[in-house]
Amino acid sequence: MLWRMSAVAITCTPWLASLTVYLFSVRYTPPVTVTVTTCALYVVLYVVARAILLVFMFTTLRDLPPDAYKAVSWTSLVPHL
């Protein structure tokens, strides 16, 4: 579940940040502190989601199924050899 939430966060955060910057520039001009805080929150969300996926990537490598360690005989899969 955390992997899926992180993947969605990585996918949607740049779009949300772009939309927020656009809305701030066109419709409403907030104080600078609000703009900087909003952008900082988007950056923190993106970095944390990316770190979670990186940690999950390496932790799943230590629990591989036994079939991952089998040697493949590639010559038997090529019909003309």
PDB file of N, CA and C in Angstrom:
ATOM      1  N   MET A   1       0.820  -1.189   0.000  1.00  0.00           N
ATOM      2  CA  MET A   1       0.000   0.000   0.000  1.00  0.00           C
ATOM      3  C   MET A   1       0.877   1.270   0.000  1.00  0.00           C
ATOM      4  N   LEU A   2       1.954   1.229   0.788  1.00  0.00           N
ATOM      5  CA  LEU A   2       2.853   2.374   0.842  1.00  0.00           C
ATOM      6  C   LEU A   2       3.577   2.566  -0.487  1.00  0.00           C
ATOM      7  N   TRP A   3       3.886   1.458  -1.158  1.00  0.00           N
ATOM      8  CA  TRP A   3       4.527   1.542  -2.470  1.00  0.00           C
ATOM      9  C   TRP A   3       3.595   2.227  -3.465  1.00  0.00           C
ATOM     10  N   ARG A   4       2.335   1.875  -3.451  1.00  0.00           N
ATOM     11  CA  ARG A   4       1.377   2.482  -4.381  1.00  0.00           C
ATOM     12  C   ARG A   4       1.175   3.962  -4.091  1.00  0.00           C
ATOM     13  N   MET A   5       1.080   4.306  -2.817  1.00  0.00           N
ATOM     14  CA  MET A   5       0.912   5.710  -2.455  1.00  0.00           C
ATOM     15  C   MET A   5       2.138   6.524  -2.863  1.00  0.00           C
ATOM     16  N   SER A   6       3.320   5.948  -2.715  1.00  0.00           N
ATOM     17  CA  SER A   6       4.543   6.646  -3.113  1.00  0.00           C
ATOM     18  C   SER A   6       4.604   6.813  -4.628  1.00  0.00           C
ATOM     19  N   ALA A   7       4.194   5.801  -5.353  1.00  0.00           N
ATOM     20  CA  ALA A   7       4.197   5.891  -6.812  1.00  0.00           C
ATOM     21  C   ALA A   7       3.214   6.959  -7.296  1.00  0.00           C
ATOM     22  N   VAL A   8       2.055   7.027  -6.674  1.00  0.00           N
ATOM     23  CA  VAL A   8       1.079   8.057  -7.042  1.00  0.00           C
ATOM     24  C   VAL A   8       1.608   9.440  -6.668  1.00  0.00           C
ATOM     25  N   ALA A   9       2.258   9.545  -5.532  1.00  0.00           N
ATOM     26  CA  ALA A   9       2.812  10.838  -5.105  1.00  0.00           C
ATOM     27  C   ALA A   9       3.887  11.313  -6.075  1.00  0.00           C
ATOM     28  N   ILE A  10       4.740  10.409  -6.524  1.00  0.00           N
ATOM     29  CA  ILE A  10       5.796  10.785  -7.472  1.00  0.00           C
ATOM     30  C   ILE A  10       5.195  11.193  -8.816  1.00  0.00           C
ATOM     31  N   THR A  11       4.108  10.537  -9.202  1.00  0.00           N
ATOM     32  CA  THR A  11       3.482  10.857 -10.476  1.00  0.00           C
ATOM     33  C   THR A  11       2.718  12.174 -10.424  1.00  0.00           C
ATOM     34  N   CYS A  12       2.011  12.414  -9.333  1.00  0.00           N
ATOM     35  CA  CYS A  12       1.108  13.562  -9.268  1.00  0.00           C
ATOM     36  C   CYS A  12       1.730  14.833  -8.705  1.00  0.00           C
ATOM     37  N   THR A  13       2.780  14.728  -7.929  1.00  0.00           N
ATOM     38  CA  THR A  13       3.350  15.909  -7.284  1.00  0.00           C
ATOM     39  C   THR A  13       3.833  16.962  -8.289  1.00  0.00           C
ATOM     40  N   PRO A  14       4.544  16.622  -9.338  1.00  0.00           N
ATOM     41  CA  PRO A  14       4.945  17.676 -10.287  1.00  0.00           C
ATOM     42  C   PRO A  14       3.750  18.359 -10.953  1.00  0.00           C
ATOM     43  N   TRP A  15       2.710  17.588 -11.248  1.00  0.00           N
ATOM     44  CA  TRP A  15       1.515  18.178 -11.859  1.00  0.00           C
ATOM     45  C   TRP A  15       0.794  19.104 -10.885  1.00  0.00           C
ATOM     46  N   LEU A  16       0.689  18.689  -9.642  1.00  0.00           N
ATOM     47  CA  LEU A  16       0.053  19.531  -8.637  1.00  0.00           C
ATOM     48  C   LEU A  16       0.861  20.795  -8.383  1.00  0.00           C
ATOM     49  N   ALA A  17       2.166  20.670  -8.348  1.00  0.00           N
ATOM     50  CA  ALA A  17       3.015  21.846  -8.152  1.00  0.00           C
ATOM     51  C   ALA A  17       2.877  22.817  -9.320  1.00  0.00           C
ATOM     52  N   SER A  18       2.837  22.305 -10.526  1.00  0.00           N
ATOM     53  CA  SER A  18       2.665  23.166 -11.698  1.00  0.00           C
ATOM     54  C   SER A  18       1.316  23.864 -11.672  1.00  0.00           C
ATOM     55  N   LEU A  19       0.291  23.125 -11.328  1.00  0.00           N
ATOM     56  CA  LEU A  19      -1.050  23.706 -11.243  1.00  0.00           C
ATOM     57  C   LEU A  19      -1.120  24.764 -10.153  1.00  0.00           C
ATOM     58  N   THR A  20      -0.496  24.512  -9.028  1.00  0.00           N
ATOM     59  CA  THR A  20      -0.495  25.473  -7.935  1.00  0.00           C
ATOM     60  C   THR A  20       0.235  26.755  -8.325  1.00  0.00           C
ATOM     61  N   VAL A  21       1.384  26.618  -8.951  1.00  0.00           N
ATOM     62  CA  VAL A  21       2.140  27.800  -9.386  1.00  0.00           C
ATOM     63  C   VAL A  21       1.331  28.580 -10.416  1.00  0.00           C
ATOM     64  N   TYR A  22       0.685  27.885 -11.316  1.00  0.00           N
ATOM     65  CA  TYR A  22      -0.145  28.554 -12.320  1.00  0.00           C
ATOM     66  C   TYR A  22      -1.300  29.299 -11.663  1.00  0.00           C
ATOM     67  N   LEU A  23      -1.993  28.648 -10.750  1.00  0.00           N
ATOM     68  CA  LEU A  23      -3.123  29.303 -10.084  1.00  0.00           C
ATOM     69  C   LEU A  23      -2.670  30.483  -9.229  1.00  0.00           C
ATOM     70  N   PHE A  24      -1.511  30.335  -8.595  1.00  0.00           N
ATOM     71  CA  PHE A  24      -0.999  31.446  -7.801  1.00  0.00           C
ATOM     72  C   PHE A  24      -0.636  32.643  -8.679  1.00  0.00           C
ATOM     73  N   SER A  25      -0.169  32.387  -9.879  1.00  0.00           N
ATOM     74  CA  SER A  25       0.251  33.490 -10.736  1.00  0.00           C
ATOM     75  C   SER A  25      -0.909  34.129 -11.479  1.00  0.00           C
ATOM     76  N   VAL A  26      -1.952  33.373 -11.755  1.00  0.00           N
ATOM     77  CA  VAL A  26      -3.053  33.893 -12.562  1.00  0.00           C
ATOM     78  C   VAL A  26      -4.204  34.419 -11.698  1.00  0.00           C
ATOM     79  N   ARG A  27      -4.673  33.595 -10.771  1.00  0.00           N
ATOM     80  CA  ARG A  27      -5.901  33.925 -10.067  1.00  0.00           C
ATOM     81  C   ARG A  27      -5.689  34.661  -8.753  1.00  0.00           C
ATOM     82  N   TYR A  28      -4.657  34.302  -8.061  1.00  0.00           N
ATOM     83  CA  TYR A  28      -4.514  34.783  -6.695  1.00  0.00           C
ATOM     84  C   TYR A  28      -3.040  34.967  -6.397  1.00  0.00           C
ATOM     85  N   THR A  29      -2.682  36.093  -5.872  1.00  0.00           N
ATOM     86  CA  THR A  29      -1.283  36.332  -5.540  1.00  0.00           C
ATOM     87  C   THR A  29      -1.122  36.295  -4.026  1.00  0.00           C
ATOM     88  N   PRO A  30      -0.692  35.145  -3.502  1.00  0.00           N
ATOM     89  CA  PRO A  30      -0.523  35.025  -2.048  1.00  0.00           C
ATOM     90  C   PRO A  30       0.793  35.657  -1.603  1.00  0.00           C
ATOM     91  N   PRO A  31       0.966  35.787  -0.306  1.00  0.00           N
ATOM     92  CA  PRO A  31       2.272  36.264   0.186  1.00  0.00           C
ATOM     93  C   PRO A  31       3.384  35.279  -0.184  1.00  0.00           C
ATOM     94  N   VAL A  32       4.588  35.775  -0.189  1.00  0.00           N
ATOM     95  CA  VAL A  32       5.743  34.961  -0.588  1.00  0.00           C
ATOM     96  C   VAL A  32       5.910  33.761   0.338  1.00  0.00           C
ATOM     97  N   THR A  33       5.616  33.917   1.613  1.00  0.00           N
ATOM     98  CA  THR A  33       5.791  32.808   2.556  1.00  0.00           C
ATOM     99  C   THR A  33       4.861  31.652   2.230  1.00  0.00           C
ATOM    100  N   VAL A  34       3.656  31.960   1.765  1.00  0.00           N
ATOM    101  CA  VAL A  34       2.714  30.894   1.393  1.00  0.00           C
ATOM    102  C   VAL A  34       3.217  30.157   0.167  1.00  0.00           C
ATOM    103  N   THR A  35       3.715  30.889  -0.801  1.00  0.00           N
ATOM    104  CA  THR A  35       4.236  30.264  -2.021  1.00  0.00           C
ATOM    105  C   THR A  35       5.447  29.385  -1.716  1.00  0.00           C
ATOM    106  N   VAL A  36       6.362  29.891  -0.925  1.00  0.00           N
ATOM    107  CA  VAL A  36       7.572  29.133  -0.591  1.00  0.00           C
ATOM    108  C   VAL A  36       7.212  27.909   0.238  1.00  0.00           C
ATOM    109  N   THR A  37       6.290  28.050   1.178  1.00  0.00           N
ATOM    110  CA  THR A  37       5.880  26.910   2.005  1.00  0.00           C
ATOM    111  C   THR A  37       5.208  25.837   1.167  1.00  0.00           C
ATOM    112  N   THR A  38       4.357  26.252   0.255  1.00  0.00           N
ATOM    113  CA  THR A  38       3.669  25.283  -0.605  1.00  0.00           C
ATOM    114  C   THR A  38       4.670  24.532  -1.484  1.00  0.00           C
ATOM    115  N   CYS A  39       5.589  25.247  -2.083  1.00  0.00           N
ATOM    116  CA  CYS A  39       6.604  24.592  -2.924  1.00  0.00           C
ATOM    117  C   CYS A  39       7.504  23.677  -2.100  1.00  0.00           C
ATOM    118  N   ALA A  40       7.836  24.091  -0.893  1.00  0.00           N
ATOM    119  CA  ALA A  40       8.669  23.257  -0.023  1.00  0.00           C
ATOM    120  C   ALA A  40       7.940  21.980   0.364  1.00  0.00           C
ATOM    121  N   LEU A  41       6.651  22.064   0.606  1.00  0.00           N
ATOM    122  CA  LEU A  41       5.877  20.854   0.938  1.00  0.00           C
ATOM    123  C   LEU A  41       5.829  19.888  -0.237  1.00  0.00           C
ATOM    124  N   TYR A  42       5.685  20.422  -1.445  1.00  0.00           N
ATOM    125  CA  TYR A  42       5.703  19.553  -2.619  1.00  0.00           C
ATOM    126  C   TYR A  42       7.064  18.877  -2.788  1.00  0.00           C
ATOM    127  N   VAL A  43       8.120  19.605  -2.562  1.00  0.00           N
ATOM    128  CA  VAL A  43       9.465  19.035  -2.688  1.00  0.00           C
ATOM    129  C   VAL A  43       9.687  17.961  -1.632  1.00  0.00           C
ATOM    130  N   VAL A  44       9.267  18.224  -0.395  1.00  0.00           N
ATOM    131  CA  VAL A  44       9.425  17.232   0.678  1.00  0.00           C
ATOM    132  C   VAL A  44       8.618  15.981   0.374  1.00  0.00           C
ATOM    133  N   LEU A  45       7.382  16.161  -0.097  1.00  0.00           N
ATOM    134  CA  LEU A  45       6.553  14.995  -0.451  1.00  0.00           C
ATOM    135  C   LEU A  45       7.209  14.171  -1.547  1.00  0.00           C
ATOM    136  N   TYR A  46       7.747  14.824  -2.560  1.00  0.00           N
ATOM    137  CA  TYR A  46       8.383  14.109  -3.665  1.00  0.00           C
ATOM    138  C   TYR A  46       9.632  13.361  -3.202  1.00  0.00           C
ATOM    139  N   VAL A  47      10.465  14.009  -2.406  1.00  0.00           N
ATOM    140  CA  VAL A  47      11.709  13.387  -1.952  1.00  0.00           C
ATOM    141  C   VAL A  47      11.425  12.212  -1.027  1.00  0.00           C
ATOM    142  N   VAL A  48      10.458  12.352  -0.134  1.00  0.00           N
ATOM    143  CA  VAL A  48      10.124  11.256   0.774  1.00  0.00           C
ATOM    144  C   VAL A  48       9.550  10.071  -0.001  1.00  0.00           C
ATOM    145  N   ALA A  49       8.675  10.338  -0.959  1.00  0.00           N
ATOM    146  CA  ALA A  49       8.106   9.247  -1.763  1.00  0.00           C
ATOM    147  C   ALA A  49       9.189   8.549  -2.576  1.00  0.00           C
ATOM    148  N   ARG A  50      10.123   9.314  -3.122  1.00  0.00           N
ATOM    149  CA  ARG A  50      11.213   8.713  -3.894  1.00  0.00           C
ATOM    150  C   ARG A  50      12.113   7.873  -2.997  1.00  0.00           C
ATOM    151  N   ALA A  51      12.375   8.342  -1.781  1.00  0.00           N
ATOM    152  CA  ALA A  51      13.207   7.584  -0.839  1.00  0.00           C
ATOM    153  C   ALA A  51      12.520   6.293  -0.421  1.00  0.00           C
ATOM    154  N   ILE A  52      11.222   6.340  -0.206  1.00  0.00           N
ATOM    155  CA  ILE A  52      10.479   5.129   0.160  1.00  0.00           C
ATOM    156  C   ILE A  52      10.583   4.092  -0.945  1.00  0.00           C
ATOM    157  N   LEU A  53      10.420   4.511  -2.189  1.00  0.00           N
ATOM    158  CA  LEU A  53      10.537   3.559  -3.301  1.00  0.00           C
ATOM    159  C   LEU A  53      11.955   3.009  -3.422  1.00  0.00           C
ATOM    160  N   LEU A  54      12.945   3.828  -3.163  1.00  0.00           N
ATOM    161  CA  LEU A  54      14.327   3.356  -3.215  1.00  0.00           C
ATOM    162  C   LEU A  54      14.595   2.327  -2.124  1.00  0.00           C
ATOM    163  N   VAL A  55      14.095   2.565  -0.931  1.00  0.00           N
ATOM    164  CA  VAL A  55      14.270   1.611   0.164  1.00  0.00           C
ATOM    165  C   VAL A  55      13.529   0.311  -0.136  1.00  0.00           C
ATOM    166  N   PHE A  56      12.309   0.413  -0.646  1.00  0.00           N
ATOM    167  CA  PHE A  56      11.562  -0.802  -0.994  1.00  0.00           C
ATOM    168  C   PHE A  56      12.260  -1.597  -2.079  1.00  0.00           C
ATOM    169  N   MET A  57      12.884  -0.906  -3.023  1.00  0.00           N
ATOM    170  CA  MET A  57      13.579  -1.595  -4.103  1.00  0.00           C
ATOM    171  C   MET A  57      14.700  -2.478  -3.554  1.00  0.00           C
ATOM    172  N   PHE A  58      15.477  -1.945  -2.618  1.00  0.00           N
ATOM    173  CA  PHE A  58      16.587  -2.728  -2.080  1.00  0.00           C
ATOM    174  C   PHE A  58      16.142  -3.761  -1.051  1.00  0.00           C
ATOM    175  N   THR A  59      15.084  -3.508  -0.299  1.00  0.00           N
ATOM    176  CA  THR A  59      14.635  -4.490   0.691  1.00  0.00           C
ATOM    177  C   THR A  59      13.962  -5.685   0.035  1.00  0.00           C
ATOM    178  N   THR A  60      13.369  -5.516  -1.117  1.00  0.00           N
ATOM    179  CA  THR A  60      12.774  -6.673  -1.792  1.00  0.00           C
ATOM    180  C   THR A  60      13.830  -7.564  -2.436  1.00  0.00           C
ATOM    181  N   LEU A  61      15.031  -7.045  -2.653  1.00  0.00           N
ATOM    182  CA  LEU A  61      16.095  -7.882  -3.224  1.00  0.00           C
ATOM    183  C   LEU A  61      16.589  -8.943  -2.248  1.00  0.00           C
ATOM    184  N   ARG A  62      16.420  -8.745  -0.968  1.00  0.00           N
ATOM    185  CA  ARG A  62      16.917  -9.738  -0.014  1.00  0.00           C
ATOM    186  C   ARG A  62      15.939 -10.895   0.195  1.00  0.00           C
ATOM    187  N   ASP A  63      14.705 -10.782  -0.274  1.00  0.00           N
ATOM    188  CA  ASP A  63      13.711 -11.843  -0.121  1.00  0.00           C
ATOM    189  C   ASP A  63      13.245 -12.375  -1.477  1.00  0.00           C
ATOM    190  N   LEU A  64      14.183 -12.629  -2.349  1.00  0.00           N
ATOM    191  CA  LEU A  64      13.826 -13.138  -3.668  1.00  0.00           C
ATOM    192  C   LEU A  64      13.385 -14.599  -3.577  1.00  0.00           C
ATOM    193  N   PRO A  65      12.475 -15.020  -4.455  1.00  0.00           N
ATOM    194  CA  PRO A  65      12.093 -16.429  -4.482  1.00  0.00           C
ATOM    195  C   PRO A  65      13.251 -17.284  -5.006  1.00  0.00           C
ATOM    196  N   PRO A  66      13.254 -18.581  -4.677  1.00  0.00           N
ATOM    197  CA  PRO A  66      14.368 -19.440  -5.122  1.00  0.00           C
ATOM    198  C   PRO A  66      14.525 -19.516  -6.636  1.00  0.00           C
ATOM    199  N   ASP A  67      13.452 -19.328  -7.394  1.00  0.00           N
ATOM    200  CA  ASP A  67      13.556 -19.386  -8.853  1.00  0.00           C
ATOM    201  C   ASP A  67      14.401 -18.248  -9.425  1.00  0.00           C
ATOM    202  N   ALA A  68      14.610 -17.199  -8.689  1.00  0.00           N
ATOM    203  CA  ALA A  68      15.419 -16.086  -9.180  1.00  0.00           C
ATOM    204  C   ALA A  68      16.894 -16.446  -9.255  1.00  0.00           C
ATOM    205  N   TYR A  69      17.311 -17.471  -8.530  1.00  0.00           N
ATOM    206  CA  TYR A  69      18.717 -17.862  -8.491  1.00  0.00           C
ATOM    207  C   TYR A  69      19.052 -19.003  -9.455  1.00  0.00           C
ATOM    208  N   LYS A  70      18.084 -19.502 -10.185  1.00  0.00           N
ATOM    209  CA  LYS A  70      18.338 -20.585 -11.145  1.00  0.00           C
ATOM    210  C   LYS A  70      19.046 -20.045 -12.380  1.00  0.00           C
ATOM    211  N   ALA A  71      19.983 -20.825 -12.890  1.00  0.00           N
ATOM    212  CA  ALA A  71      20.685 -20.455 -14.114  1.00  0.00           C
ATOM    213  C   ALA A  71      19.828 -20.832 -15.319  1.00  0.00           C
ATOM    214  N   VAL A  72      19.740 -19.918 -16.262  1.00  0.00           N
ATOM    215  CA  VAL A  72      18.931 -20.146 -17.456  1.00  0.00           C
ATOM    216  C   VAL A  72      19.829 -20.667 -18.560  1.00  0.00           C
ATOM    217  N   SER A  73      19.390 -21.730 -19.198  1.00  0.00           N
ATOM    218  CA  SER A  73      20.117 -22.267 -20.348  1.00  0.00           C
ATOM    219  C   SER A  73      19.575 -21.573 -21.600  1.00  0.00           C
ATOM    220  N   TRP A  74      20.251 -20.495 -21.979  1.00  0.00           N
ATOM    221  CA  TRP A  74      19.748 -19.674 -23.090  1.00  0.00           C
ATOM    222  C   TRP A  74      19.834 -20.409 -24.420  1.00  0.00           C
ATOM    223  N   THR A  75      20.753 -21.332 -24.570  1.00  0.00           N
ATOM    224  CA  THR A  75      20.860 -22.040 -25.853  1.00  0.00           C
ATOM    225  C   THR A  75      19.672 -22.939 -26.116  1.00  0.00           C
ATOM    226  N   SER A  76      18.994 -23.397 -25.096  1.00  0.00           N
ATOM    227  CA  SER A  76      17.810 -24.237 -25.316  1.00  0.00           C
ATOM    228  C   SER A  76      16.612 -23.392 -25.733  1.00  0.00           C
ATOM    229  N   LEU A  77      16.665 -22.095 -25.541  1.00  0.00           N
ATOM    230  CA  LEU A  77      15.539 -21.234 -25.905  1.00  0.00           C
ATOM    231  C   LEU A  77      15.650 -20.701 -27.324  1.00  0.00           C
ATOM    232  N   VAL A  78      16.817 -20.804 -27.931  1.00  0.00           N
ATOM    233  CA  VAL A  78      17.000 -20.332 -29.305  1.00  0.00           C
ATOM    234  C   VAL A  78      16.837 -21.528 -30.222  1.00  0.00           C
ATOM    235  N   PRO A  79      15.857 -21.531 -31.111  1.00  0.00           N
ATOM    236  CA  PRO A  79      15.543 -22.734 -31.900  1.00  0.00           C
ATOM    237  C   PRO A  79      16.613 -23.163 -32.897  1.00  0.00           C
ATOM    238  N   HIS A  80      17.412 -22.262 -33.451  1.00  0.00           N
ATOM    239  CA  HIS A  80      18.361 -22.654 -34.487  1.00  0.00           C
ATOM    240  C   HIS A  80      19.714 -23.110 -33.941  1.00  0.00           C
ATOM    241  N   LEU A  81      19.905 -23.150 -32.627  1.00  0.00           N
ATOM    242  CA  LEU A  81      21.193 -23.602 -32.104  1.00  0.00           C
ATOM    243  C   LEU A  81      21.161 -25.054 -31.767  1.00  0.00           C
TER     244      LEU A  81
END
